[in-house]
Protein backbone atom coordinates (compact mmCIF):
# COMPACT_ATOMS: atom_id res chain seq x y z
CA MET A 1 15.09 29.36 22.24
CA SER A 2 17.38 30.08 19.29
CA SER A 3 20.05 27.71 20.66
CA PHE A 4 17.39 24.98 20.84
CA LEU A 5 16.45 25.60 17.22
CA ASN A 6 20.11 25.62 16.16
CA ASN A 7 20.77 22.35 17.99
CA SER A 8 17.64 20.80 16.48
CA ALA A 9 18.71 21.84 12.99
CA ASN A 10 22.17 20.36 13.56
CA LEU A 11 20.69 17.12 14.87
CA ALA A 12 18.42 16.74 11.85
CA GLY A 13 21.23 17.49 9.42
CA THR A 14 24.53 15.68 9.61
CA ALA A 15 24.39 14.33 13.16
CA ALA A 16 21.22 12.26 12.68
CA PRO A 17 20.60 11.65 8.98
CA LEU A 18 18.37 8.64 9.67
CA LEU A 19 15.67 10.98 10.97
CA LYS A 20 15.08 12.28 7.43
CA PRO A 21 13.93 8.98 5.88
CA LEU A 22 12.01 8.25 9.08
CA THR A 23 10.16 11.56 8.84
CA THR A 24 9.62 11.11 5.11
CA LEU A 25 7.85 7.79 5.71
CA GLY A 26 5.72 9.49 8.35
CA MET A 27 4.79 12.25 5.91
CA TRP A 28 3.98 9.61 3.27
CA SER A 29 1.61 7.94 5.74
CA ILE A 30 -0.26 11.24 6.04
CA VAL A 31 -0.46 11.49 2.23
CA MET A 32 -1.98 8.00 2.15
CA GLU A 33 -4.47 8.94 4.86
CA VAL A 34 -5.62 11.98 2.88
CA TRP A 35 -5.83 9.83 -0.27
CA LEU A 36 -7.98 7.18 1.44
CA TYR A 37 -10.47 9.76 2.70
CA ALA A 38 -10.50 11.61 -0.61
CA LEU A 39 -11.70 8.41 -2.27
CA ARG A 40 -13.77 6.87 0.50
CA PHE A 41 -16.00 9.80 1.48
CA PRO A 42 -17.30 10.48 -2.05
CA ALA A 43 -17.68 6.72 -2.67
CA VAL A 44 -19.77 6.24 0.47
CA GLU A 45 -22.11 8.91 -0.84
CA LYS A 46 -22.07 7.70 -4.46
CA TYR A 47 -22.82 4.07 -3.56
CA LYS A 48 -25.19 5.08 -0.75
CA VAL A 49 -23.38 3.02 1.84
CA LYS A 50 -25.14 3.04 5.18
CA ILE A 51 -22.69 3.94 7.93
CA ASP A 52 -23.87 2.20 11.04
CA PRO A 53 -21.87 1.20 14.13
CA SER A 54 -23.21 -2.35 13.83
CA ILE A 55 -21.81 -2.91 10.30
CA SER A 56 -18.49 -4.68 10.05
CA ALA A 57 -15.44 -3.44 8.18
CA ALA A 58 -15.86 -6.41 5.82
CA SER A 59 -19.40 -5.26 4.99
CA LEU A 60 -18.11 -1.78 4.22
CA GLU A 61 -15.43 -3.23 1.95
CA ARG A 62 -18.02 -5.29 0.06
CA ALA A 63 -20.15 -2.19 -0.45
CA LEU A 64 -17.37 -0.18 -2.12
CA PRO A 65 -15.38 -0.96 -5.28
CA PRO A 66 -11.92 -2.49 -4.71
CA GLN A 67 -10.07 0.53 -6.13
CA VAL A 68 -11.68 2.69 -3.44
CA GLN A 69 -10.39 0.30 -0.76
CA TRP A 70 -6.80 0.05 -2.02
CA PRO A 71 -5.50 3.32 -0.48
CA ALA A 72 -7.17 2.41 2.84
CA GLN A 73 -5.60 -1.05 2.78
CA ASN A 74 -2.22 0.48 2.04
CA PHE A 75 -2.61 3.04 4.83
CA ASN A 76 -3.22 0.14 7.22
CA HIS A 77 -0.14 -1.65 5.87
CA LEU A 78 1.93 1.45 6.66
CA HIS A 79 1.16 0.76 10.33
CA GLU A 80 2.43 -2.81 10.24
CA GLN A 81 5.96 -3.58 8.99
CA PRO A 82 7.12 0.08 8.94
CA THR A 83 6.86 0.12 12.74
CA TYR A 84 10.01 -2.05 12.74
CA PHE A 85 11.63 0.58 10.53
CA ILE A 86 10.72 3.29 13.03
CA ALA A 87 12.23 1.31 15.90
CA ALA A 88 15.41 0.60 13.93
CA MET A 89 15.86 4.22 12.83
CA LEU A 90 15.36 5.61 16.32
CA THR A 91 17.69 3.02 17.83
CA LEU A 92 20.39 3.60 15.21
CA THR A 93 20.05 7.36 15.69
CA LEU A 94 20.42 7.02 19.47
CA LEU A 95 23.50 4.87 18.88
CA GLY A 96 25.00 7.56 16.64
CA VAL A 97 24.99 5.49 13.45
CA ARG A 98 25.21 7.64 10.33
CA ASP A 99 27.34 5.76 7.80
CA ALA A 100 26.42 6.10 4.14
CA ALA A 101 25.42 2.45 3.66
CA THR A 102 22.89 2.57 6.49
CA VAL A 103 21.48 5.94 5.42
CA ASN A 104 21.20 4.78 1.80
CA ALA A 105 19.45 1.58 2.92
CA ALA A 106 16.99 3.65 4.97
CA TRP A 107 16.21 5.84 1.95
CA ALA A 108 15.89 2.72 -0.23
CA TYR A 109 13.34 1.27 2.19
CA VAL A 110 11.31 4.48 2.18
CA GLY A 111 11.46 4.74 -1.61
CA LEU A 112 10.36 1.13 -2.03
CA ARG A 113 7.46 1.61 0.40
CA ILE A 114 6.31 4.73 -1.45
CA VAL A 115 6.44 2.95 -4.82
CA HIS A 116 4.64 -0.02 -3.22
CA SER A 117 1.92 2.36 -2.00
CA LEU A 118 1.53 3.87 -5.46
CA VAL A 119 1.23 0.45 -7.11
CA HIS A 120 -1.17 -0.82 -4.43
CA SER A 121 -3.37 2.26 -4.57
CA THR A 122 -3.59 2.61 -8.35
CA THR A 123 -3.24 -0.61 -10.34
CA ASN A 124 -2.79 -3.12 -7.50
CA THR A 125 -0.75 -5.35 -9.79
CA ILE A 126 -0.07 -8.20 -7.38
CA LEU A 127 3.23 -9.48 -8.80
CA VAL A 128 4.74 -5.98 -8.91
CA ARG A 129 3.38 -5.19 -5.47
CA PHE A 130 4.73 -8.43 -4.00
CA SER A 131 8.14 -7.87 -5.59
CA LEU A 132 8.34 -4.38 -4.07
CA PHE A 133 7.22 -5.72 -0.71
CA ALA A 134 9.78 -8.55 -0.79
CA LEU A 135 12.56 -6.16 -1.74
CA SER A 136 11.60 -3.63 0.94
CA SER A 137 11.38 -6.48 3.49
CA THR A 138 14.91 -7.55 2.57
CA VAL A 139 16.20 -4.00 3.03
CA LEU A 140 14.37 -3.76 6.35
CA ALA A 141 15.84 -7.07 7.50
CA GLY A 142 19.28 -5.66 6.72
CA LEU A 143 18.54 -2.51 8.71
CA ILE A 144 17.32 -4.53 11.68
CA GLY A 145 20.40 -6.73 11.39
CA ARG A 146 22.56 -3.60 11.36
CA THR A 147 20.75 -2.37 14.46
CA ALA A 148 21.35 -5.67 16.26
CA TRP A 149 25.01 -5.73 15.17
CA VAL A 150 25.65 -2.27 16.59
CA LEU A 151 23.56 -2.79 19.71
CA PHE A 152 24.82 -6.20 20.79
């Protein structure tokens, strides 16, 4: 068992540095999930929203203030484009890629997504949010391009 733990620690360290930003984005998704429930549950009670299986998600959104919905919207967004990031990181890790430029780009993507989440969930300033999204998309496109370059 101890050799398994030692090998796992080595893999997560220098041999597979792309797993760290990947895991960080996963942990951030959990933070956003907690945040959405921390706002939504009290708001459902405060605004006396009837929870009924026949009511649509759009009806629920209309019943709650926008700022209560923002963390939930962002949580959903973390299950869209970041799935490409997950695929790229796992593929690059399996291919043994660990150069500084790729690792730094992975961390940049994660950092941009976290800042995007914070903007979306607090002020929801559209121009700032869009700029962060566009920049993170550009970084992600580079990472996917890097994956394709190494793979093909």
